[in-house]
Amino acid sequence: RQVALAVASSGIAARNMAGGTTAHSM
C-alpha cells in the first residue's frame, strides 16, 4: 500500500509496466 510510479522514455516502453506513462507526461 505504497505508491510506485512507472515512467519510460517512450509510450511503447511505458505500456510494458502497470500504470506506466511517459516521463514527460508524469
mmCIF file of all heavy atoms, coordinates in Angstrom:
data_MODEL
# 
_entry.id   MODEL 
# 
loop_
_atom_site.group_PDB 
_atom_site.id 
_atom_site.type_symbol 
_atom_site.label_atom_id 
_atom_site.label_alt_id 
_atom_site.label_comp_id 
_atom_site.label_asym_id 
_atom_site.label_entity_id 
_atom_site.label_seq_id 
_atom_site.pdbx_PDB_ins_code 
_atom_site.Cartn_x 
_atom_site.Cartn_y 
_atom_site.Cartn_z 
_atom_site.occupancy 
_atom_site.B_iso_or_equiv 
_atom_site.pdbx_formal_charge 
_atom_site.auth_seq_id 
_atom_site.auth_comp_id 
_atom_site.auth_asym_id 
_atom_site.auth_atom_id 
_atom_site.pdbx_PDB_model_num 
ATOM 1   N N   . ARG A 1 1  ? 0.827  -1.212 0.000   1.00 0.00 ? 1  ARG A N   1 
ATOM 2   C CA  . ARG A 1 1  ? 0.000  0.000  0.000   1.00 0.00 ? 1  ARG A CA  1 
ATOM 3   C C   . ARG A 1 1  ? 0.862  1.264  0.000   1.00 0.00 ? 1  ARG A C   1 
ATOM 4   O O   . ARG A 1 1  ? 0.604  2.230  0.722   1.00 0.00 ? 1  ARG A O   1 
ATOM 5   C CB  . ARG A 1 1  ? -0.980 0.016  1.172   1.00 0.00 ? 1  ARG A CB  1 
ATOM 6   C CG  . ARG A 1 1  ? -2.097 1.040  1.000   1.00 0.00 ? 1  ARG A CG  1 
ATOM 7   C CD  . ARG A 1 1  ? -3.251 0.873  1.941   1.00 0.00 ? 1  ARG A CD  1 
ATOM 8   N NE  . ARG A 1 1  ? -4.186 1.968  1.883   1.00 0.00 ? 1  ARG A NE  1 
ATOM 9   C CZ  . ARG A 1 1  ? -5.040 2.202  0.880   1.00 0.00 ? 1  ARG A CZ  1 
ATOM 10  N NH1 . ARG A 1 1  ? -5.065 1.378  -0.158  1.00 0.00 ? 1  ARG A NH1 1 
ATOM 11  N NH2 . ARG A 1 1  ? -5.874 3.229  0.906   1.00 0.00 ? 1  ARG A NH2 1 
ATOM 12  N N   . GLN A 1 2  ? 1.878  1.232  -0.823  1.00 0.00 ? 2  GLN A N   1 
ATOM 13  C CA  . GLN A 1 2  ? 2.711  2.399  -1.038  1.00 0.00 ? 2  GLN A CA  1 
ATOM 14  C C   . GLN A 1 2  ? 2.664  2.769  -2.517  1.00 0.00 ? 2  GLN A C   1 
ATOM 15  O O   . GLN A 1 2  ? 2.261  1.967  -3.354  1.00 0.00 ? 2  GLN A O   1 
ATOM 16  C CB  . GLN A 1 2  ? 4.149  2.124  -0.588  1.00 0.00 ? 2  GLN A CB  1 
ATOM 17  C CG  . GLN A 1 2  ? 4.267  1.888  0.912   1.00 0.00 ? 2  GLN A CG  1 
ATOM 18  C CD  . GLN A 1 2  ? 5.693  1.633  1.352   1.00 0.00 ? 2  GLN A CD  1 
ATOM 19  O OE1 . GLN A 1 2  ? 6.535  1.228  0.564   1.00 0.00 ? 2  GLN A OE1 1 
ATOM 20  N NE2 . GLN A 1 2  ? 5.965  1.862  2.623   1.00 0.00 ? 2  GLN A NE2 1 
ATOM 21  N N   . VAL A 1 3  ? 3.079  3.975  -2.824  1.00 0.00 ? 3  VAL A N   1 
ATOM 22  C CA  . VAL A 1 3  ? 2.981  4.488  -4.191  1.00 0.00 ? 3  VAL A CA  1 
ATOM 23  C C   . VAL A 1 3  ? 4.271  4.214  -4.946  1.00 0.00 ? 3  VAL A C   1 
ATOM 24  O O   . VAL A 1 3  ? 5.362  4.550  -4.476  1.00 0.00 ? 3  VAL A O   1 
ATOM 25  C CB  . VAL A 1 3  ? 2.670  5.993  -4.195  1.00 0.00 ? 3  VAL A CB  1 
ATOM 26  C CG1 . VAL A 1 3  ? 2.667  6.533  -5.620  1.00 0.00 ? 3  VAL A CG1 1 
ATOM 27  C CG2 . VAL A 1 3  ? 1.335  6.264  -3.514  1.00 0.00 ? 3  VAL A CG2 1 
ATOM 28  N N   . ALA A 1 4  ? 4.135  3.603  -6.117  1.00 0.00 ? 4  ALA A N   1 
ATOM 29  C CA  . ALA A 1 4  ? 5.257  3.383  -7.025  1.00 0.00 ? 4  ALA A CA  1 
ATOM 30  C C   . ALA A 1 4  ? 4.878  3.955  -8.384  1.00 0.00 ? 4  ALA A C   1 
ATOM 31  O O   . ALA A 1 4  ? 3.820  3.616  -8.923  1.00 0.00 ? 4  ALA A O   1 
ATOM 32  C CB  . ALA A 1 4  ? 5.568  1.891  -7.143  1.00 0.00 ? 4  ALA A CB  1 
ATOM 33  N N   . LEU A 1 5  ? 5.721  4.822  -8.926  1.00 0.00 ? 5  LEU A N   1 
ATOM 34  C CA  . LEU A 1 5  ? 5.449  5.446  -10.218 1.00 0.00 ? 5  LEU A CA  1 
ATOM 35  C C   . LEU A 1 5  ? 6.351  4.829  -11.276 1.00 0.00 ? 5  LEU A C   1 
ATOM 36  O O   . LEU A 1 5  ? 7.549  4.642  -11.054 1.00 0.00 ? 5  LEU A O   1 
ATOM 37  C CB  . LEU A 1 5  ? 5.700  6.954  -10.138 1.00 0.00 ? 5  LEU A CB  1 
ATOM 38  C CG  . LEU A 1 5  ? 4.879  7.717  -9.093  1.00 0.00 ? 5  LEU A CG  1 
ATOM 39  C CD1 . LEU A 1 5  ? 5.239  9.195  -9.106  1.00 0.00 ? 5  LEU A CD1 1 
ATOM 40  C CD2 . LEU A 1 5  ? 3.387  7.526  -9.322  1.00 0.00 ? 5  LEU A CD2 1 
ATOM 41  N N   . ALA A 1 6  ? 5.750  4.510  -12.423 1.00 0.00 ? 6  ALA A N   1 
ATOM 42  C CA  . ALA A 1 6  ? 6.484  3.869  -13.512 1.00 0.00 ? 6  ALA A CA  1 
ATOM 43  C C   . ALA A 1 6  ? 6.444  4.768  -14.739 1.00 0.00 ? 6  ALA A C   1 
ATOM 44  O O   . ALA A 1 6  ? 5.367  5.071  -15.258 1.00 0.00 ? 6  ALA A O   1 
ATOM 45  C CB  . ALA A 1 6  ? 5.871  2.506  -13.833 1.00 0.00 ? 6  ALA A CB  1 
ATOM 46  N N   . VAL A 1 7  ? 7.615  5.197  -15.193 1.00 0.00 ? 7  VAL A N   1 
ATOM 47  C CA  . VAL A 1 7  ? 7.701  6.055  -16.378 1.00 0.00 ? 7  VAL A CA  1 
ATOM 48  C C   . VAL A 1 7  ? 8.734  5.466  -17.328 1.00 0.00 ? 7  VAL A C   1 
ATOM 49  O O   . VAL A 1 7  ? 9.549  4.625  -16.957 1.00 0.00 ? 7  VAL A O   1 
ATOM 50  C CB  . VAL A 1 7  ? 8.077  7.506  -16.020 1.00 0.00 ? 7  VAL A CB  1 
ATOM 51  C CG1 . VAL A 1 7  ? 7.101  8.083  -15.005 1.00 0.00 ? 7  VAL A CG1 1 
ATOM 52  C CG2 . VAL A 1 7  ? 9.503  7.592  -15.483 1.00 0.00 ? 7  VAL A CG2 1 
ATOM 53  N N   . ALA A 1 8  ? 8.696  5.929  -18.569 1.00 0.00 ? 8  ALA A N   1 
ATOM 54  C CA  . ALA A 1 8  ? 9.641  5.460  -19.574 1.00 0.00 ? 8  ALA A CA  1 
ATOM 55  C C   . ALA A 1 8  ? 9.907  6.569  -20.574 1.00 0.00 ? 8  ALA A C   1 
ATOM 56  O O   . ALA A 1 8  ? 9.196  7.578  -20.617 1.00 0.00 ? 8  ALA A O   1 
ATOM 57  C CB  . ALA A 1 8  ? 9.106  4.216  -20.278 1.00 0.00 ? 8  ALA A CB  1 
ATOM 58  N N   . SER A 1 9  ? 10.931 6.358  -21.387 1.00 0.00 ? 9  SER A N   1 
ATOM 59  C CA  . SER A 1 9  ? 11.276 7.351  -22.402 1.00 0.00 ? 9  SER A CA  1 
ATOM 60  C C   . SER A 1 9  ? 10.255 7.408  -23.516 1.00 0.00 ? 9  SER A C   1 
ATOM 61  O O   . SER A 1 9  ? 10.070 8.448  -24.149 1.00 0.00 ? 9  SER A O   1 
ATOM 62  C CB  . SER A 1 9  ? 12.656 7.028  -22.994 1.00 0.00 ? 9  SER A CB  1 
ATOM 63  O OG  . SER A 1 9  ? 13.653 7.097  -22.007 1.00 0.00 ? 9  SER A OG  1 
ATOM 64  N N   . SER A 1 10 ? 9.584  6.280  -23.774 1.00 0.00 ? 10 SER A N   1 
ATOM 65  C CA  . SER A 1 10 ? 8.617  6.213  -24.869 1.00 0.00 ? 10 SER A CA  1 
ATOM 66  C C   . SER A 1 10 ? 7.320  5.590  -24.379 1.00 0.00 ? 10 SER A C   1 
ATOM 67  O O   . SER A 1 10 ? 7.296  4.868  -23.382 1.00 0.00 ? 10 SER A O   1 
ATOM 68  C CB  . SER A 1 10 ? 9.178  5.368  -26.024 1.00 0.00 ? 10 SER A CB  1 
ATOM 69  O OG  . SER A 1 10 ? 9.290  4.010  -25.633 1.00 0.00 ? 10 SER A OG  1 
ATOM 70  N N   . GLY A 1 11 ? 6.239  5.872  -25.123 1.00 0.00 ? 11 GLY A N   1 
ATOM 71  C CA  . GLY A 1 11 ? 4.947  5.308  -24.772 1.00 0.00 ? 11 GLY A CA  1 
ATOM 72  C C   . GLY A 1 11 ? 4.925  3.800  -24.899 1.00 0.00 ? 11 GLY A C   1 
ATOM 73  O O   . GLY A 1 11 ? 4.256  3.107  -24.121 1.00 0.00 ? 11 GLY A O   1 
ATOM 74  N N   . ILE A 1 12 ? 5.642  3.256  -25.877 1.00 0.00 ? 12 ILE A N   1 
ATOM 75  C CA  . ILE A 1 12 ? 5.670  1.811  -26.081 1.00 0.00 ? 12 ILE A CA  1 
ATOM 76  C C   . ILE A 1 12 ? 6.300  1.120  -24.880 1.00 0.00 ? 12 ILE A C   1 
ATOM 77  O O   . ILE A 1 12 ? 5.782  0.120  -24.366 1.00 0.00 ? 12 ILE A O   1 
ATOM 78  C CB  . ILE A 1 12 ? 6.447  1.469  -27.371 1.00 0.00 ? 12 ILE A CB  1 
ATOM 79  C CG1 . ILE A 1 12 ? 5.691  1.995  -28.590 1.00 0.00 ? 12 ILE A CG1 1 
ATOM 80  C CG2 . ILE A 1 12 ? 6.673  -0.032 -27.485 1.00 0.00 ? 12 ILE A CG2 1 
ATOM 81  C CD1 . ILE A 1 12 ? 6.434  1.816  -29.903 1.00 0.00 ? 12 ILE A CD1 1 
ATOM 82  N N   . ALA A 1 13 ? 7.421  1.648  -24.400 1.00 0.00 ? 13 ALA A N   1 
ATOM 83  C CA  . ALA A 1 13 ? 8.068  1.070  -23.225 1.00 0.00 ? 13 ALA A CA  1 
ATOM 84  C C   . ALA A 1 13 ? 7.197  1.231  -21.982 1.00 0.00 ? 13 ALA A C   1 
ATOM 85  O O   . ALA A 1 13 ? 7.140  0.340  -21.130 1.00 0.00 ? 13 ALA A O   1 
ATOM 86  C CB  . ALA A 1 13 ? 9.430  1.730  -23.004 1.00 0.00 ? 13 ALA A CB  1 
ATOM 87  N N   . ALA A 1 14 ? 6.501  2.352  -21.876 1.00 0.00 ? 14 ALA A N   1 
ATOM 88  C CA  . ALA A 1 14 ? 5.654  2.604  -20.707 1.00 0.00 ? 14 ALA A CA  1 
ATOM 89  C C   . ALA A 1 14 ? 4.521  1.588  -20.615 1.00 0.00 ? 14 ALA A C   1 
ATOM 90  O O   . ALA A 1 14 ? 4.114  1.196  -19.517 1.00 0.00 ? 14 ALA A O   1 
ATOM 91  C CB  . ALA A 1 14 ? 5.088  4.019  -20.764 1.00 0.00 ? 14 ALA A CB  1 
ATOM 92  N N   . ARG A 1 15 ? 4.018  1.128  -21.756 1.00 0.00 ? 15 ARG A N   1 
ATOM 93  C CA  . ARG A 1 15 ? 2.898  0.187  -21.767 1.00 0.00 ? 15 ARG A CA  1 
ATOM 94  C C   . ARG A 1 15 ? 3.281  -1.176 -21.218 1.00 0.00 ? 15 ARG A C   1 
ATOM 95  O O   . ARG A 1 15 ? 2.414  -1.984 -20.879 1.00 0.00 ? 15 ARG A O   1 
ATOM 96  C CB  . ARG A 1 15 ? 2.357  0.038  -23.185 1.00 0.00 ? 15 ARG A CB  1 
ATOM 97  C CG  . ARG A 1 15 ? 1.623  1.272  -23.696 1.00 0.00 ? 15 ARG A CG  1 
ATOM 98  C CD  . ARG A 1 15 ? 1.187  1.101  -25.138 1.00 0.00 ? 15 ARG A CD  1 
ATOM 99  N NE  . ARG A 1 15 ? 0.212  0.029  -25.292 1.00 0.00 ? 15 ARG A NE  1 
ATOM 100 C CZ  . ARG A 1 15 ? -1.102 0.180  -25.163 1.00 0.00 ? 15 ARG A CZ  1 
ATOM 101 N NH1 . ARG A 1 15 ? -1.585 1.372  -24.851 1.00 0.00 ? 15 ARG A NH1 1 
ATOM 102 N NH2 . ARG A 1 15 ? -1.922 -0.824 -25.320 1.00 0.00 ? 15 ARG A NH2 1 
ATOM 103 N N   . ASN A 1 16 ? 4.566  -1.444 -21.114 1.00 0.00 ? 16 ASN A N   1 
ATOM 104 C CA  . ASN A 1 16 ? 5.015  -2.727 -20.571 1.00 0.00 ? 16 ASN A CA  1 
ATOM 105 C C   . ASN A 1 16 ? 4.963  -2.770 -19.049 1.00 0.00 ? 16 ASN A C   1 
ATOM 106 O O   . ASN A 1 16 ? 5.228  -3.817 -18.453 1.00 0.00 ? 16 ASN A O   1 
ATOM 107 C CB  . ASN A 1 16 ? 6.449  -3.029 -21.032 1.00 0.00 ? 16 ASN A CB  1 
ATOM 108 C CG  . ASN A 1 16 ? 6.525  -3.335 -22.516 1.00 0.00 ? 16 ASN A CG  1 
ATOM 109 O OD1 . ASN A 1 16 ? 5.599  -3.909 -23.088 1.00 0.00 ? 16 ASN A OD1 1 
ATOM 110 N ND2 . ASN A 1 16 ? 7.638  -2.959 -23.146 1.00 0.00 ? 16 ASN A ND2 1 
ATOM 111 N N   . MET A 1 17 ? 4.669  -1.636 -18.416 1.00 0.00 ? 17 MET A N   1 
ATOM 112 C CA  . MET A 1 17 ? 4.619  -1.571 -16.960 1.00 0.00 ? 17 MET A CA  1 
ATOM 113 C C   . MET A 1 17 ? 3.210  -1.189 -16.512 1.00 0.00 ? 17 MET A C   1 
ATOM 114 O O   . MET A 1 17 ? 2.592  -0.304 -17.107 1.00 0.00 ? 17 MET A O   1 
ATOM 115 C CB  . MET A 1 17 ? 5.615  -0.532 -16.445 1.00 0.00 ? 17 MET A CB  1 
ATOM 116 C CG  . MET A 1 17 ? 7.058  -0.803 -16.815 1.00 0.00 ? 17 MET A CG  1 
ATOM 117 S SD  . MET A 1 17 ? 8.194  0.465  -16.174 1.00 0.00 ? 17 MET A SD  1 
ATOM 118 C CE  . MET A 1 17 ? 7.748  1.874  -17.219 1.00 0.00 ? 17 MET A CE  1 
ATOM 119 N N   . ALA A 1 18 ? 2.716  -1.834 -15.482 1.00 0.00 ? 18 ALA A N   1 
ATOM 120 C CA  . ALA A 1 18 ? 1.397  -1.497 -14.943 1.00 0.00 ? 18 ALA A CA  1 
ATOM 121 C C   . ALA A 1 18 ? 1.392  -0.056 -14.466 1.00 0.00 ? 18 ALA A C   1 
ATOM 122 O O   . ALA A 1 18 ? 2.247  0.343  -13.668 1.00 0.00 ? 18 ALA A O   1 
ATOM 123 C CB  . ALA A 1 18 ? 1.049  -2.437 -13.788 1.00 0.00 ? 18 ALA A CB  1 
ATOM 124 N N   . GLY A 1 19 ? 0.449  0.734  -14.976 1.00 0.00 ? 19 GLY A N   1 
ATOM 125 C CA  . GLY A 1 19 ? 0.376  2.140  -14.592 1.00 0.00 ? 19 GLY A CA  1 
ATOM 126 C C   . GLY A 1 19 ? 1.441  3.001  -15.223 1.00 0.00 ? 19 GLY A C   1 
ATOM 127 O O   . GLY A 1 19 ? 1.633  4.145  -14.815 1.00 0.00 ? 19 GLY A O   1 
ATOM 128 N N   . GLY A 1 20 ? 2.128  2.482  -16.234 1.00 0.00 ? 20 GLY A N   1 
ATOM 129 C CA  . GLY A 1 20 ? 3.220  3.220  -16.845 1.00 0.00 ? 20 GLY A CA  1 
ATOM 130 C C   . GLY A 1 20 ? 2.764  4.359  -17.730 1.00 0.00 ? 20 GLY A C   1 
ATOM 131 O O   . GLY A 1 20 ? 1.704  4.302  -18.351 1.00 0.00 ? 20 GLY A O   1 
ATOM 132 N N   . THR A 1 21 ? 3.560  5.403  -17.786 1.00 0.00 ? 21 THR A N   1 
ATOM 133 C CA  . THR A 1 21 ? 3.319  6.532  -18.669 1.00 0.00 ? 21 THR A CA  1 
ATOM 134 C C   . THR A 1 21 ? 4.677  7.122  -19.062 1.00 0.00 ? 21 THR A C   1 
ATOM 135 O O   . THR A 1 21 ? 5.709  6.682  -18.541 1.00 0.00 ? 21 THR A O   1 
ATOM 136 C CB  . THR A 1 21 ? 2.446  7.605  -17.982 1.00 0.00 ? 21 THR A CB  1 
ATOM 137 O OG1 . THR A 1 21 ? 2.088  8.613  -18.931 1.00 0.00 ? 21 THR A OG1 1 
ATOM 138 C CG2 . THR A 1 21 ? 3.178  8.260  -16.818 1.00 0.00 ? 21 THR A CG2 1 
ATOM 139 N N   . THR A 1 22 ? 4.684  8.062  -19.966 1.00 0.00 ? 22 THR A N   1 
ATOM 140 C CA  . THR A 1 22 ? 5.970  8.647  -20.353 1.00 0.00 ? 22 THR A CA  1 
ATOM 141 C C   . THR A 1 22 ? 6.454  9.604  -19.262 1.00 0.00 ? 22 THR A C   1 
ATOM 142 O O   . THR A 1 22 ? 5.660  10.180 -18.513 1.00 0.00 ? 22 THR A O   1 
ATOM 143 C CB  . THR A 1 22 ? 5.858  9.419  -21.678 1.00 0.00 ? 22 THR A CB  1 
ATOM 144 O OG1 . THR A 1 22 ? 4.963  10.524 -21.510 1.00 0.00 ? 22 THR A OG1 1 
ATOM 145 C CG2 . THR A 1 22 ? 5.364  8.513  -22.796 1.00 0.00 ? 22 THR A CG2 1 
ATOM 146 N N   . ALA A 1 23 ? 7.757  9.778  -19.201 1.00 0.00 ? 23 ALA A N   1 
ATOM 147 C CA  . ALA A 1 23 ? 8.328  10.690 -18.209 1.00 0.00 ? 23 ALA A CA  1 
ATOM 148 C C   . ALA A 1 23 ? 7.836  12.116 -18.430 1.00 0.00 ? 23 ALA A C   1 
ATOM 149 O O   . ALA A 1 23 ? 7.573  12.850 -17.474 1.00 0.00 ? 23 ALA A O   1 
ATOM 150 C CB  . ALA A 1 23 ? 9.858  10.634 -18.280 1.00 0.00 ? 23 ALA A CB  1 
ATOM 151 N N   . HIS A 1 24 ? 7.691  12.507 -19.698 1.00 0.00 ? 24 HIS A N   1 
ATOM 152 C CA  . HIS A 1 24 ? 7.217  13.864 -19.990 1.00 0.00 ? 24 HIS A CA  1 
ATOM 153 C C   . HIS A 1 24 ? 5.805  14.083 -19.463 1.00 0.00 ? 24 HIS A C   1 
ATOM 154 O O   . HIS A 1 24 ? 5.476  15.161 -18.960 1.00 0.00 ? 24 HIS A O   1 
ATOM 155 C CB  . HIS A 1 24 ? 7.276  14.140 -21.494 1.00 0.00 ? 24 HIS A CB  1 
ATOM 156 C CG  . HIS A 1 24 ? 8.623  14.578 -21.970 1.00 0.00 ? 24 HIS A CG  1 
ATOM 157 N ND1 . HIS A 1 24 ? 9.636  13.689 -22.273 1.00 0.00 ? 24 HIS A ND1 1 
ATOM 158 C CD2 . HIS A 1 24 ? 9.150  15.818 -22.179 1.00 0.00 ? 24 HIS A CD2 1 
ATOM 159 C CE1 . HIS A 1 24 ? 10.708 14.363 -22.651 1.00 0.00 ? 24 HIS A CE1 1 
ATOM 160 N NE2 . HIS A 1 24 ? 10.447 15.654 -22.606 1.00 0.00 ? 24 HIS A NE2 1 
ATOM 161 N N   . SER A 1 25 ? 4.948  13.049 -19.577 1.00 0.00 ? 25 SER A N   1 
ATOM 162 C CA  . SER A 1 25 ? 3.572  13.190 -19.097 1.00 0.00 ? 25 SER A CA  1 
ATOM 163 C C   . SER A 1 25 ? 3.510  13.218 -17.574 1.00 0.00 ? 25 SER A C   1 
ATOM 164 O O   . SER A 1 25 ? 2.814  14.053 -16.982 1.00 0.00 ? 25 SER A O   1 
ATOM 165 C CB  . SER A 1 25 ? 2.708  12.042 -19.630 1.00 0.00 ? 25 SER A CB  1 
ATOM 166 O OG  . SER A 1 25 ? 2.559  12.127 -21.023 1.00 0.00 ? 25 SER A OG  1 
ATOM 167 N N   . MET A 1 26 ? 4.222  12.302 -16.927 1.00 0.00 ? 26 MET A N   1 
ATOM 168 C CA  . MET A 1 26 ? 4.167  12.237 -15.461 1.00 0.00 ? 26 MET A CA  1 
ATOM 169 C C   . MET A 1 26 ? 4.750  13.492 -14.830 1.00 0.00 ? 26 MET A C   1 
ATOM 170 O O   . MET A 1 26 ? 4.165  14.080 -13.914 1.00 0.00 ? 26 MET A O   1 
ATOM 171 C CB  . MET A 1 26 ? 4.940  11.005 -14.971 1.00 0.00 ? 26 MET A CB  1 
ATOM 172 C CG  . MET A 1 26 ? 5.111  10.921 -13.456 1.00 0.00 ? 26 MET A CG  1 
ATOM 173 S SD  . MET A 1 26 ? 3.539  10.925 -12.536 1.00 0.00 ? 26 MET A SD  1 
ATOM 174 C CE  . MET A 1 26 ? 2.892  9.312  -13.035 1.00 0.00 ? 26 MET A CE  1 
# 
